[in-house]
Amino acid sequence: MVDGPVVTVRGEAYREVAPELARFTVTALARDREREPTLTRLAERAAAIRVLLDSYGPTIDRRETGELRVRPETRRSGERVVAWHGSVLTTVTVSDFTSLGELMLRLADQDQVEVAGPWWSLRPDSPAYRQARHTAISDALQRAREYAEALGAQVTDLVELSDEGGAAQPMMARMAFDAGAVESGGPPELELDPQPQGVHAAVRARFTISRPVLS
């Protein structure tokens, strides 16, 4: 049972921090009138992607093979197959952004390959989340003290503290090609601007305060 007046407040924190991870996808494609050549080309192109990714070694944190699709293309009427389409998707995650643009361009330069991304994010256990929660608690306590002070009272004890949730807000990258290298005959350069991630935390807290001075 709570003894004395109670003040309930909400504490919040919002901050922007540098991203810790970048994720992008690379998809190998193949098409032919016959199924066997389609599968062969798809396997060869997927293998070429693996070799290129292997060459970047520890700069790649994680890579995962995703959806593999092989489908026939038929005429509008009937089931006659006129072509076969194949695709295999790989998701790549990196934490070292220094060679990210180069890697994505080299992958995009492969025959019949699609590259999409990057998507920036924080690690699930990023210290940024903990720091935001601490700041939200401090904000709640500061608000409670201000309300108590306005009543001529003081905060005396914490009754309840609940987490109201929070999340990071992932953003896409801004990408720009450096045309100077192309004009001079060198390989194109891709300039990436990792965008800050917004981290939000919120808490609800109940504090007891001393008897207000209302006169």
N, C-alpha and C. Protein backbone atom coordinates (compact mmCIF):
# COMPACT_ATOMS: atom_id res chain seq x y z
N MET A 1 0.84 -1.19 0.00
CA MET A 1 0.00 0.00 0.00
C MET A 1 0.88 1.25 0.00
N VAL A 2 0.59 2.17 -0.89
CA VAL A 2 1.39 3.39 -1.01
C VAL A 2 0.98 4.39 0.05
N ASP A 3 1.96 4.90 0.76
CA ASP A 3 1.70 5.87 1.81
C ASP A 3 2.11 7.26 1.31
N GLY A 4 1.16 8.15 1.14
CA GLY A 4 1.47 9.52 0.73
C GLY A 4 1.09 9.78 -0.71
N PRO A 5 1.20 11.03 -1.11
CA PRO A 5 0.84 11.42 -2.48
C PRO A 5 1.74 10.72 -3.51
N VAL A 6 1.18 10.52 -4.70
CA VAL A 6 1.91 9.84 -5.78
C VAL A 6 1.86 10.71 -7.04
N VAL A 7 2.97 10.78 -7.75
CA VAL A 7 3.02 11.46 -9.03
C VAL A 7 3.42 10.44 -10.09
N THR A 8 2.71 10.45 -11.20
CA THR A 8 2.99 9.53 -12.31
C THR A 8 3.51 10.33 -13.50
N VAL A 9 4.62 9.91 -14.05
CA VAL A 9 5.25 10.65 -15.15
C VAL A 9 5.70 9.68 -16.24
N ARG A 10 5.93 10.25 -17.38
CA ARG A 10 6.48 9.49 -18.51
C ARG A 10 7.83 10.07 -18.87
N GLY A 11 8.81 9.20 -18.99
CA GLY A 11 10.15 9.64 -19.38
C GLY A 11 10.48 9.13 -20.78
N GLU A 12 11.09 9.98 -21.59
CA GLU A 12 11.40 9.60 -22.96
C GLU A 12 12.83 10.00 -23.32
N ALA A 13 13.35 9.31 -24.31
CA ALA A 13 14.68 9.66 -24.83
C ALA A 13 14.71 9.35 -26.31
N TYR A 14 15.28 10.23 -27.07
CA TYR A 14 15.48 10.01 -28.50
C TYR A 14 16.87 10.49 -28.85
N ARG A 15 17.59 9.63 -29.55
CA ARG A 15 18.93 10.02 -29.98
C ARG A 15 19.24 9.39 -31.32
N GLU A 16 20.14 10.01 -32.05
CA GLU A 16 20.59 9.46 -33.32
C GLU A 16 22.03 8.98 -33.17
N VAL A 17 22.27 7.77 -33.62
CA VAL A 17 23.59 7.17 -33.50
C VAL A 17 24.00 6.61 -34.85
N ALA A 18 25.29 6.43 -35.02
CA ALA A 18 25.81 5.88 -36.27
C ALA A 18 25.40 4.42 -36.42
N PRO A 19 25.07 3.98 -37.63
CA PRO A 19 24.70 2.58 -37.83
C PRO A 19 25.89 1.66 -37.56
N GLU A 20 25.58 0.44 -37.18
CA GLU A 20 26.62 -0.55 -36.88
C GLU A 20 26.68 -1.65 -37.94
N LEU A 21 25.59 -1.83 -38.67
CA LEU A 21 25.52 -2.88 -39.69
C LEU A 21 24.93 -2.33 -40.98
N ALA A 22 25.34 -2.91 -42.08
CA ALA A 22 24.73 -2.62 -43.39
C ALA A 22 24.40 -3.96 -44.05
N ARG A 23 23.20 -4.04 -44.58
CA ARG A 23 22.75 -5.28 -45.20
C ARG A 23 22.30 -4.98 -46.63
N PHE A 24 22.67 -5.86 -47.56
CA PHE A 24 22.20 -5.73 -48.93
C PHE A 24 21.99 -7.12 -49.52
N THR A 25 21.27 -7.18 -50.63
CA THR A 25 21.01 -8.45 -51.28
C THR A 25 21.62 -8.47 -52.67
N VAL A 26 22.04 -9.64 -53.08
CA VAL A 26 22.56 -9.84 -54.43
C VAL A 26 21.86 -11.07 -55.00
N THR A 27 21.31 -10.93 -56.19
CA THR A 27 20.52 -12.00 -56.81
C THR A 27 21.11 -12.39 -58.15
N ALA A 28 21.44 -13.66 -58.29
CA ALA A 28 21.91 -14.20 -59.57
C ALA A 28 20.69 -14.63 -60.39
N LEU A 29 20.70 -14.31 -61.69
CA LEU A 29 19.57 -14.60 -62.57
C LEU A 29 20.03 -15.43 -63.76
N ALA A 30 19.11 -16.22 -64.30
CA ALA A 30 19.40 -17.01 -65.50
C ALA A 30 18.10 -17.24 -66.26
N ARG A 31 18.22 -17.30 -67.58
CA ARG A 31 17.05 -17.57 -68.43
C ARG A 31 17.50 -18.25 -69.70
N ASP A 32 16.77 -19.27 -70.08
CA ASP A 32 17.06 -19.99 -71.32
C ASP A 32 15.80 -20.72 -71.77
N ARG A 33 15.79 -21.13 -73.02
CA ARG A 33 14.64 -21.88 -73.51
C ARG A 33 14.57 -23.27 -72.89
N GLU A 34 15.73 -23.79 -72.53
CA GLU A 34 15.79 -25.14 -71.96
C GLU A 34 16.08 -25.06 -70.47
N ARG A 35 15.58 -26.05 -69.74
CA ARG A 35 15.75 -26.03 -68.29
C ARG A 35 17.21 -26.26 -67.88
N GLU A 36 17.86 -27.26 -68.51
CA GLU A 36 19.21 -27.62 -68.09
C GLU A 36 20.21 -26.47 -68.24
N PRO A 37 20.24 -25.77 -69.38
CA PRO A 37 21.14 -24.61 -69.48
C PRO A 37 20.83 -23.52 -68.46
N THR A 38 19.54 -23.35 -68.15
CA THR A 38 19.17 -22.35 -67.15
C THR A 38 19.77 -22.69 -65.79
N LEU A 39 19.64 -23.95 -65.39
CA LEU A 39 20.18 -24.38 -64.10
C LEU A 39 21.70 -24.28 -64.08
N THR A 40 22.33 -24.63 -65.18
CA THR A 40 23.79 -24.57 -65.26
C THR A 40 24.29 -23.14 -65.12
N ARG A 41 23.67 -22.23 -65.87
CA ARG A 41 24.08 -20.82 -65.79
C ARG A 41 23.81 -20.25 -64.40
N LEU A 42 22.69 -20.61 -63.82
CA LEU A 42 22.38 -20.10 -62.48
C LEU A 42 23.42 -20.57 -61.47
N ALA A 43 23.79 -21.84 -61.54
CA ALA A 43 24.81 -22.38 -60.62
C ALA A 43 26.15 -21.69 -60.83
N GLU A 44 26.52 -21.45 -62.08
CA GLU A 44 27.80 -20.79 -62.38
C GLU A 44 27.81 -19.36 -61.85
N ARG A 45 26.71 -18.63 -62.04
CA ARG A 45 26.66 -17.24 -61.59
C ARG A 45 26.62 -17.14 -60.07
N ALA A 46 25.91 -18.08 -59.44
CA ALA A 46 25.89 -18.10 -57.98
C ALA A 46 27.27 -18.42 -57.44
N ALA A 47 27.99 -19.32 -58.11
CA ALA A 47 29.36 -19.67 -57.69
C ALA A 47 30.29 -18.48 -57.85
N ALA A 48 30.11 -17.70 -58.92
CA ALA A 48 30.96 -16.52 -59.13
C ALA A 48 30.73 -15.49 -58.03
N ILE A 49 29.49 -15.37 -57.59
CA ILE A 49 29.19 -14.46 -56.49
C ILE A 49 29.87 -14.92 -55.21
N ARG A 50 29.83 -16.23 -54.96
CA ARG A 50 30.48 -16.77 -53.75
C ARG A 50 31.98 -16.51 -53.77
N VAL A 51 32.59 -16.70 -54.92
CA VAL A 51 34.04 -16.48 -55.04
C VAL A 51 34.38 -15.02 -54.75
N LEU A 52 33.58 -14.11 -55.30
CA LEU A 52 33.83 -12.69 -55.08
C LEU A 52 33.66 -12.33 -53.60
N LEU A 53 32.61 -12.86 -52.98
CA LEU A 53 32.40 -12.59 -51.56
C LEU A 53 33.52 -13.19 -50.72
N ASP A 54 33.99 -14.38 -51.10
CA ASP A 54 35.10 -15.01 -50.37
C ASP A 54 36.35 -14.13 -50.39
N SER A 55 36.54 -13.40 -51.50
CA SER A 55 37.75 -12.58 -51.62
C SER A 55 37.77 -11.42 -50.64
N TYR A 56 36.60 -11.08 -50.05
CA TYR A 56 36.54 -9.99 -49.08
C TYR A 56 36.70 -10.49 -47.65
N GLY A 57 36.79 -11.80 -47.48
CA GLY A 57 37.13 -12.41 -46.19
C GLY A 57 36.41 -11.85 -44.99
N PRO A 58 37.18 -11.43 -43.97
CA PRO A 58 36.59 -10.99 -42.70
C PRO A 58 35.82 -9.67 -42.76
N THR A 59 35.88 -8.95 -43.89
CA THR A 59 35.10 -7.71 -43.98
C THR A 59 33.60 -8.01 -44.07
N ILE A 60 33.26 -9.27 -44.38
CA ILE A 60 31.86 -9.68 -44.43
C ILE A 60 31.51 -10.41 -43.14
N ASP A 61 30.57 -9.87 -42.40
CA ASP A 61 30.17 -10.47 -41.12
C ASP A 61 29.32 -11.71 -41.31
N ARG A 62 28.44 -11.65 -42.30
CA ARG A 62 27.49 -12.74 -42.45
C ARG A 62 26.93 -12.75 -43.86
N ARG A 63 26.68 -13.94 -44.37
CA ARG A 63 25.99 -14.06 -45.65
C ARG A 63 25.08 -15.28 -45.60
N GLU A 64 23.91 -15.12 -46.17
CA GLU A 64 22.88 -16.17 -46.10
C GLU A 64 22.22 -16.34 -47.45
N THR A 65 22.12 -17.59 -47.88
CA THR A 65 21.40 -17.87 -49.12
C THR A 65 19.91 -17.88 -48.82
N GLY A 66 19.19 -17.09 -49.58
CA GLY A 66 17.75 -16.98 -49.36
C GLY A 66 16.95 -17.76 -50.38
N GLU A 67 16.03 -17.08 -51.04
CA GLU A 67 15.09 -17.75 -51.92
C GLU A 67 15.75 -18.23 -53.21
N LEU A 68 15.53 -19.50 -53.54
CA LEU A 68 15.92 -20.09 -54.82
C LEU A 68 14.65 -20.34 -55.62
N ARG A 69 14.60 -19.79 -56.83
CA ARG A 69 13.40 -19.92 -57.66
C ARG A 69 13.78 -20.43 -59.04
N VAL A 70 13.06 -21.43 -59.50
CA VAL A 70 13.17 -21.92 -60.87
C VAL A 70 11.74 -22.10 -61.37
N ARG A 71 11.38 -21.38 -62.42
CA ARG A 71 9.99 -21.44 -62.88
C ARG A 71 9.93 -21.46 -64.41
N PRO A 72 8.93 -22.14 -64.93
CA PRO A 72 8.75 -22.14 -66.38
C PRO A 72 7.94 -20.93 -66.84
N GLU A 73 8.24 -20.47 -68.03
CA GLU A 73 7.43 -19.43 -68.68
C GLU A 73 6.61 -20.09 -69.78
N THR A 74 5.31 -19.98 -69.70
CA THR A 74 4.44 -20.63 -70.67
C THR A 74 3.72 -19.60 -71.52
N ARG A 75 3.17 -20.08 -72.60
CA ARG A 75 2.36 -19.20 -73.45
C ARG A 75 1.06 -18.87 -72.72
N ARG A 76 0.41 -17.82 -73.14
CA ARG A 76 -0.81 -17.38 -72.47
C ARG A 76 -1.87 -18.48 -72.47
N SER A 77 -1.90 -19.25 -73.51
CA SER A 77 -2.86 -20.36 -73.59
C SER A 77 -2.09 -21.67 -73.65
N GLY A 78 -2.48 -22.60 -72.83
CA GLY A 78 -1.81 -23.89 -72.81
C GLY A 78 -0.65 -23.95 -71.85
N GLU A 79 0.05 -25.08 -71.84
CA GLU A 79 1.15 -25.32 -70.91
C GLU A 79 2.49 -25.48 -71.61
N ARG A 80 2.57 -25.06 -72.82
CA ARG A 80 3.83 -25.18 -73.55
C ARG A 80 4.86 -24.22 -72.95
N VAL A 81 5.99 -24.77 -72.55
CA VAL A 81 7.05 -23.97 -71.94
C VAL A 81 7.90 -23.33 -73.02
N VAL A 82 8.00 -22.01 -72.97
CA VAL A 82 8.81 -21.29 -73.96
C VAL A 82 10.15 -20.85 -73.39
N ALA A 83 10.29 -20.84 -72.05
CA ALA A 83 11.56 -20.46 -71.43
C ALA A 83 11.54 -20.87 -69.96
N TRP A 84 12.74 -20.93 -69.38
CA TRP A 84 12.90 -21.22 -67.95
C TRP A 84 13.63 -20.05 -67.30
N HIS A 85 13.17 -19.66 -66.12
CA HIS A 85 13.77 -18.57 -65.36
C HIS A 85 14.29 -19.12 -64.04
N GLY A 86 15.46 -18.71 -63.66
CA GLY A 86 16.02 -19.12 -62.37
C GLY A 86 16.63 -17.94 -61.64
N SER A 87 16.56 -17.95 -60.31
CA SER A 87 17.19 -16.90 -59.51
C SER A 87 17.54 -17.46 -58.14
N VAL A 88 18.61 -16.94 -57.56
CA VAL A 88 18.99 -17.30 -56.20
C VAL A 88 19.48 -16.04 -55.51
N LEU A 89 18.95 -15.79 -54.32
CA LEU A 89 19.22 -14.55 -53.58
C LEU A 89 20.16 -14.81 -52.42
N THR A 90 21.11 -13.92 -52.22
CA THR A 90 22.03 -13.97 -51.09
C THR A 90 21.97 -12.65 -50.33
N THR A 91 21.83 -12.73 -49.03
CA THR A 91 21.84 -11.53 -48.19
C THR A 91 23.19 -11.40 -47.53
N VAL A 92 23.79 -10.23 -47.64
CA VAL A 92 25.13 -9.98 -47.11
C VAL A 92 25.05 -8.91 -46.04
N THR A 93 25.72 -9.15 -44.91
CA THR A 93 25.76 -8.19 -43.80
C THR A 93 27.21 -7.85 -43.50
N VAL A 94 27.50 -6.55 -43.39
CA VAL A 94 28.86 -6.10 -43.08
C VAL A 94 28.80 -5.05 -41.98
N SER A 95 29.88 -4.96 -41.21
CA SER A 95 30.00 -3.92 -40.20
C SER A 95 31.14 -2.96 -40.53
N ASP A 96 31.99 -3.34 -41.49
CA ASP A 96 33.07 -2.48 -41.97
C ASP A 96 32.59 -1.85 -43.28
N PHE A 97 32.32 -0.54 -43.23
CA PHE A 97 31.72 0.13 -44.39
C PHE A 97 32.75 0.68 -45.37
N THR A 98 34.03 0.51 -45.09
CA THR A 98 35.05 1.14 -45.92
C THR A 98 35.06 0.60 -47.35
N SER A 99 34.78 -0.68 -47.52
CA SER A 99 34.79 -1.27 -48.86
C SER A 99 33.40 -1.66 -49.33
N LEU A 100 32.36 -1.16 -48.67
CA LEU A 100 30.99 -1.56 -48.99
C LEU A 100 30.61 -1.14 -50.41
N GLY A 101 30.86 0.12 -50.75
CA GLY A 101 30.52 0.59 -52.09
C GLY A 101 31.25 -0.18 -53.17
N GLU A 102 32.53 -0.43 -52.94
CA GLU A 102 33.32 -1.19 -53.91
C GLU A 102 32.76 -2.59 -54.09
N LEU A 103 32.43 -3.25 -52.98
CA LEU A 103 31.90 -4.61 -53.04
C LEU A 103 30.58 -4.64 -53.82
N MET A 104 29.69 -3.71 -53.53
CA MET A 104 28.39 -3.71 -54.21
C MET A 104 28.54 -3.46 -55.71
N LEU A 105 29.47 -2.58 -56.09
CA LEU A 105 29.67 -2.32 -57.51
C LEU A 105 30.28 -3.53 -58.22
N ARG A 106 31.21 -4.19 -57.56
CA ARG A 106 31.83 -5.38 -58.17
C ARG A 106 30.80 -6.49 -58.36
N LEU A 107 29.90 -6.62 -57.40
CA LEU A 107 28.84 -7.61 -57.55
C LEU A 107 27.89 -7.22 -58.68
N ALA A 108 27.54 -5.95 -58.74
CA ALA A 108 26.63 -5.48 -59.78
C ALA A 108 27.24 -5.60 -61.17
N ASP A 109 28.56 -5.68 -61.25
CA ASP A 109 29.25 -5.79 -62.53
C ASP A 109 29.26 -7.23 -63.05
N GLN A 110 28.82 -8.18 -62.23
CA GLN A 110 28.75 -9.57 -62.67
C GLN A 110 27.62 -9.74 -63.69
N ASP A 111 27.74 -10.76 -64.52
CA ASP A 111 26.73 -11.02 -65.55
C ASP A 111 25.42 -11.47 -64.93
N GLN A 112 24.33 -10.80 -65.31
CA GLN A 112 22.97 -11.16 -64.87
C GLN A 112 22.85 -11.22 -63.34
N VAL A 113 23.17 -10.11 -62.72
CA VAL A 113 23.11 -10.01 -61.26
C VAL A 113 22.37 -8.73 -60.87
N GLU A 114 21.52 -8.83 -59.86
CA GLU A 114 20.84 -7.67 -59.30
C GLU A 114 21.34 -7.44 -57.88
N VAL A 115 21.58 -6.17 -57.54
CA VAL A 115 22.03 -5.79 -56.20
C VAL A 115 21.06 -4.76 -55.65
N ALA A 116 20.63 -4.94 -54.40
CA ALA A 116 19.70 -4.01 -53.77
C ALA A 116 20.17 -3.69 -52.35
N GLY A 117 19.97 -2.44 -51.94
CA GLY A 117 20.38 -2.01 -50.61
C GLY A 117 21.35 -0.84 -50.72
N PRO A 118 22.07 -0.53 -49.67
CA PRO A 118 22.08 -1.21 -48.36
C PRO A 118 20.98 -0.69 -47.43
N TRP A 119 20.70 -1.50 -46.42
CA TRP A 119 19.82 -1.11 -45.32
C TRP A 119 20.66 -1.05 -44.06
N TRP A 120 20.61 0.09 -43.40
CA TRP A 120 21.44 0.31 -42.21
C TRP A 120 20.68 -0.11 -40.95
N SER A 121 21.40 -0.54 -39.93
CA SER A 121 20.75 -0.92 -38.68
C SER A 121 21.77 -0.94 -37.55
N LEU A 122 21.26 -1.16 -36.34
CA LEU A 122 22.10 -1.37 -35.16
C LEU A 122 22.11 -2.85 -34.82
N ARG A 123 23.10 -3.28 -34.07
CA ARG A 123 23.11 -4.65 -33.57
C ARG A 123 22.00 -4.79 -32.53
N PRO A 124 21.40 -5.99 -32.41
CA PRO A 124 20.34 -6.19 -31.41
C PRO A 124 20.78 -5.86 -29.99
N ASP A 125 22.06 -6.06 -29.69
CA ASP A 125 22.56 -5.79 -28.34
C ASP A 125 23.37 -4.49 -28.29
N SER A 126 23.07 -3.57 -29.18
CA SER A 126 23.81 -2.31 -29.24
C SER A 126 23.72 -1.55 -27.92
N PRO A 127 24.83 -0.99 -27.44
CA PRO A 127 24.80 -0.15 -26.23
C PRO A 127 23.88 1.06 -26.37
N ALA A 128 23.55 1.44 -27.61
CA ALA A 128 22.69 2.60 -27.83
C ALA A 128 21.32 2.40 -27.21
N TYR A 129 20.82 1.17 -27.21
CA TYR A 129 19.51 0.91 -26.61
C TYR A 129 19.55 1.11 -25.10
N ARG A 130 20.60 0.58 -24.48
CA ARG A 130 20.74 0.71 -23.02
C ARG A 130 20.90 2.17 -22.63
N GLN A 131 21.70 2.90 -23.37
CA GLN A 131 21.90 4.32 -23.06
C GLN A 131 20.60 5.11 -23.19
N ALA A 132 19.80 4.77 -24.20
CA ALA A 132 18.51 5.46 -24.38
C ALA A 132 17.57 5.15 -23.22
N ARG A 133 17.56 3.90 -22.75
CA ARG A 133 16.70 3.55 -21.61
C ARG A 133 17.12 4.29 -20.35
N HIS A 134 18.44 4.38 -20.12
CA HIS A 134 18.94 5.10 -18.95
C HIS A 134 18.52 6.57 -19.01
N THR A 135 18.63 7.14 -20.21
CA THR A 135 18.26 8.55 -20.38
C THR A 135 16.76 8.74 -20.14
N ALA A 136 15.94 7.79 -20.58
CA ALA A 136 14.50 7.88 -20.37
C ALA A 136 14.15 7.83 -18.88
N ILE A 137 14.85 6.99 -18.13
CA ILE A 137 14.62 6.92 -16.68
C ILE A 137 15.02 8.22 -16.00
N SER A 138 16.15 8.77 -16.42
CA SER A 138 16.59 10.05 -15.86
C SER A 138 15.59 11.16 -16.17
N ASP A 139 15.02 11.10 -17.38
CA ASP A 139 14.02 12.10 -17.77
C ASP A 139 12.77 11.98 -16.89
N ALA A 140 12.35 10.73 -16.62
CA ALA A 140 11.18 10.52 -15.76
C ALA A 140 11.43 11.06 -14.35
N LEU A 141 12.61 10.78 -13.82
CA LEU A 141 12.93 11.25 -12.47
C LEU A 141 12.98 12.78 -12.43
N GLN A 142 13.57 13.38 -13.46
CA GLN A 142 13.65 14.84 -13.51
C GLN A 142 12.26 15.46 -13.57
N ARG A 143 11.36 14.88 -14.33
CA ARG A 143 10.00 15.41 -14.42
C ARG A 143 9.27 15.29 -13.08
N ALA A 144 9.47 14.14 -12.43
CA ALA A 144 8.82 13.96 -11.13
C ALA A 144 9.32 15.01 -10.13
N ARG A 145 10.60 15.29 -10.14
CA ARG A 145 11.16 16.29 -9.23
C ARG A 145 10.61 17.68 -9.52
N GLU A 146 10.42 17.98 -10.83
CA GLU A 146 9.89 19.29 -11.19
C GLU A 146 8.44 19.45 -10.73
N TYR A 147 7.65 18.39 -10.88
CA TYR A 147 6.26 18.45 -10.39
C TYR A 147 6.23 18.60 -8.87
N ALA A 148 7.09 17.81 -8.21
CA ALA A 148 7.12 17.89 -6.75
C ALA A 148 7.55 19.28 -6.29
N GLU A 149 8.56 19.84 -6.94
CA GLU A 149 9.05 21.16 -6.58
C GLU A 149 7.96 22.21 -6.74
N ALA A 150 7.15 22.07 -7.80
CA ALA A 150 6.06 23.02 -8.02
C ALA A 150 5.03 22.98 -6.89
N LEU A 151 4.98 21.84 -6.19
CA LEU A 151 4.04 21.68 -5.07
C LEU A 151 4.70 21.92 -3.72
N GLY A 152 5.96 22.32 -3.75
CA GLY A 152 6.67 22.52 -2.51
C GLY A 152 6.99 21.20 -1.82
N ALA A 153 7.16 20.15 -2.61
CA ALA A 153 7.44 18.82 -2.05
C ALA A 153 8.71 18.26 -2.65
N GLN A 154 9.05 17.03 -2.25
CA GLN A 154 10.22 16.34 -2.75
C GLN A 154 9.85 14.90 -3.10
N VAL A 155 10.56 14.35 -4.08
CA VAL A 155 10.38 12.93 -4.41
C VAL A 155 11.01 12.11 -3.30
N THR A 156 10.25 11.13 -2.83
CA THR A 156 10.74 10.32 -1.70
C THR A 156 11.03 8.86 -2.05
N ASP A 157 10.28 8.31 -3.01
CA ASP A 157 10.50 6.89 -3.30
C ASP A 157 9.92 6.53 -4.67
N LEU A 158 10.42 5.45 -5.23
CA LEU A 158 9.90 4.92 -6.49
C LEU A 158 8.87 3.83 -6.18
N VAL A 159 7.69 3.95 -6.75
CA VAL A 159 6.64 2.96 -6.54
C VAL A 159 6.61 1.94 -7.67
N GLU A 160 6.71 2.42 -8.89
CA GLU A 160 6.59 1.51 -10.05
C GLU A 160 7.34 2.10 -11.24
N LEU A 161 7.93 1.21 -12.03
CA LEU A 161 8.62 1.63 -13.25
C LEU A 161 8.30 0.60 -14.34
N SER A 162 7.77 1.06 -15.46
CA SER A 162 7.43 0.15 -16.56
C SER A 162 8.02 0.66 -17.87
N ASP A 163 8.44 -0.30 -18.68
CA ASP A 163 9.03 0.01 -19.99
C ASP A 163 7.90 0.14 -21.00
N GLU A 164 7.85 1.28 -21.68
CA GLU A 164 6.81 1.51 -22.67
C GLU A 164 7.31 1.27 -24.09
N GLY A 165 8.46 0.67 -24.18
CA GLY A 165 8.96 0.28 -25.50
C GLY A 165 9.76 1.37 -26.19
N GLY A 166 10.36 0.96 -27.27
CA GLY A 166 11.18 1.85 -28.07
C GLY A 166 11.76 1.04 -29.22
N ALA A 167 12.31 1.72 -30.19
CA ALA A 167 12.83 1.01 -31.35
C ALA A 167 13.81 1.89 -32.10
N ALA A 168 14.60 1.23 -32.93
CA ALA A 168 15.45 1.95 -33.86
C ALA A 168 14.69 2.15 -35.15
N GLN A 169 15.00 3.21 -35.85
CA GLN A 169 14.35 3.52 -37.11
C GLN A 169 15.36 3.38 -38.24
N PRO A 170 15.39 2.21 -38.93
CA PRO A 170 16.37 2.01 -40.00
C PRO A 170 16.11 2.93 -41.17
N MET A 171 17.17 3.32 -41.85
CA MET A 171 17.04 4.22 -43.00
C MET A 171 17.85 3.67 -44.17
N MET A 172 17.42 4.05 -45.36
CA MET A 172 18.18 3.68 -46.55
C MET A 172 19.37 4.62 -46.70
N ALA A 173 20.33 4.14 -47.47
CA ALA A 173 21.51 4.96 -47.72
C ALA A 173 21.26 5.94 -48.85
N ARG A 174 21.99 7.06 -48.80
CA ARG A 174 22.07 7.91 -49.97
C ARG A 174 23.27 7.42 -50.77
N MET A 175 23.08 7.20 -52.07
CA MET A 175 24.15 6.66 -52.89
C MET A 175 24.47 7.62 -54.03
N ALA A 176 25.74 7.69 -54.38
CA ALA A 176 26.14 8.57 -55.47
C ALA A 176 27.31 7.95 -56.22
N PHE A 177 27.27 8.00 -57.54
CA PHE A 177 28.37 7.50 -58.35
C PHE A 177 29.38 8.62 -58.58
N ASP A 178 30.64 8.27 -58.49
CA ASP A 178 31.71 9.22 -58.79
C ASP A 178 32.05 9.05 -60.27
N ALA A 179 31.56 9.97 -61.10
CA ALA A 179 31.74 9.83 -62.54
C ALA A 179 33.17 10.11 -62.99
N GLY A 180 33.96 10.76 -62.15
CA GLY A 180 35.32 11.10 -62.53
C GLY A 180 36.15 9.88 -62.87
N ALA A 181 35.99 8.83 -62.11
CA ALA A 181 36.77 7.62 -62.36
C ALA A 181 36.37 6.99 -63.69
N VAL A 182 35.07 7.04 -64.02
CA VAL A 182 34.61 6.45 -65.27
C VAL A 182 35.16 7.21 -66.46
N GLU A 183 35.14 8.55 -66.37
CA GLU A 183 35.61 9.38 -67.47
C GLU A 183 37.11 9.19 -67.70
N SER A 184 37.84 8.88 -66.66
CA SER A 184 39.27 8.70 -66.82
C SER A 184 39.63 7.27 -67.17
N GLY A 185 38.63 6.42 -67.34
CA GLY A 185 38.91 5.04 -67.72
C GLY A 185 39.06 4.10 -66.55
N GLY A 186 39.00 4.59 -65.31
CA GLY A 186 39.14 3.74 -64.14
C GLY A 186 37.82 3.14 -63.74
N PRO A 187 37.83 2.26 -62.74
CA PRO A 187 36.58 1.65 -62.29
C PRO A 187 35.69 2.68 -61.61
N PRO A 188 34.37 2.55 -61.72
CA PRO A 188 33.47 3.51 -61.05
C PRO A 188 33.56 3.38 -59.55
N GLU A 189 33.31 4.48 -58.86
CA GLU A 189 33.33 4.47 -57.41
C GLU A 189 31.95 4.83 -56.88
N LEU A 190 31.53 4.13 -55.86
CA LEU A 190 30.22 4.36 -55.26
C LEU A 190 30.42 4.96 -53.88
N GLU A 191 29.92 6.17 -53.70
CA GLU A 191 30.07 6.86 -52.43
C GLU A 191 28.81 6.68 -51.60
N LEU A 192 28.95 6.11 -50.42
CA LEU A 192 27.81 5.84 -49.55
C LEU A 192 27.86 6.75 -48.32
N ASP A 193 26.71 7.24 -47.91
CA ASP A 193 26.58 8.06 -46.71
C ASP A 193 25.75 7.29 -45.70
N PRO A 194 26.40 6.57 -44.78
CA PRO A 194 25.62 5.86 -43.76
C PRO A 194 24.77 6.83 -42.96
N GLN A 195 23.48 6.56 -42.87
CA GLN A 195 22.58 7.49 -42.21
C GLN A 195 22.36 7.10 -40.76
N PRO A 196 22.29 8.09 -39.87
CA PRO A 196 22.10 7.83 -38.44
C PRO A 196 20.82 7.05 -38.18
N GLN A 197 20.85 6.26 -37.13
CA GLN A 197 19.69 5.49 -36.72
C GLN A 197 19.04 6.15 -35.51
N GLY A 198 17.75 6.40 -35.62
CA GLY A 198 17.04 7.00 -34.50
C GLY A 198 16.66 5.94 -33.47
N VAL A 199 17.05 6.16 -32.22
CA VAL A 199 16.76 5.21 -31.14
C VAL A 199 15.84 5.89 -30.14
N HIS A 200 14.72 5.26 -29.85
CA HIS A 200 13.72 5.84 -28.96
C HIS A 200 13.46 4.90 -27.79
N ALA A 201 13.34 5.46 -26.60
CA ALA A 201 13.00 4.68 -25.40
C ALA A 201 12.01 5.48 -24.58
N ALA A 202 11.09 4.78 -23.92
CA ALA A 202 10.08 5.45 -23.09
C ALA A 202 9.76 4.59 -21.88
N VAL A 203 9.56 5.25 -20.73
CA VAL A 203 9.19 4.56 -19.49
C VAL A 203 8.07 5.33 -18.82
N ARG A 204 7.30 4.62 -18.01
CA ARG A 204 6.29 5.25 -17.16
C ARG A 204 6.66 4.92 -15.73
N ALA A 205 6.69 5.97 -14.88
CA ALA A 205 7.14 5.78 -13.50
C ALA A 205 6.17 6.44 -12.53
N ARG A 206 6.05 5.83 -11.35
CA ARG A 206 5.23 6.40 -10.26
C ARG A 206 6.13 6.61 -9.06
N PHE A 207 6.10 7.82 -8.54
CA PHE A 207 6.92 8.17 -7.39
C PHE A 207 6.03 8.68 -6.26
N THR A 208 6.42 8.39 -5.04
CA THR A 208 5.78 9.05 -3.90
C THR A 208 6.52 10.34 -3.63
N ILE A 209 5.78 11.33 -3.16
CA ILE A 209 6.37 12.62 -2.81
C ILE A 209 5.95 12.98 -1.39
N SER A 210 6.70 13.89 -0.83
CA SER A 210 6.34 14.37 0.51
C SER A 210 5.06 15.20 0.45
N ARG A 211 4.50 15.52 1.60
CA ARG A 211 3.26 16.28 1.63
C ARG A 211 3.44 17.64 0.96
N PRO A 212 2.58 17.93 -0.02
CA PRO A 212 2.69 19.22 -0.72
C PRO A 212 2.41 20.40 0.24
N VAL A 213 3.01 21.51 -0.10
CA VAL A 213 2.74 22.75 0.60
C VAL A 213 1.82 23.57 -0.30
N LEU A 214 0.53 23.55 -0.01
CA LEU A 214 -0.47 24.14 -0.92
C LEU A 214 -0.87 25.55 -0.52
N SER A 215 -0.38 26.05 0.57
CA SER A 215 -0.79 27.40 0.99
C SER A 215 0.17 28.45 0.44
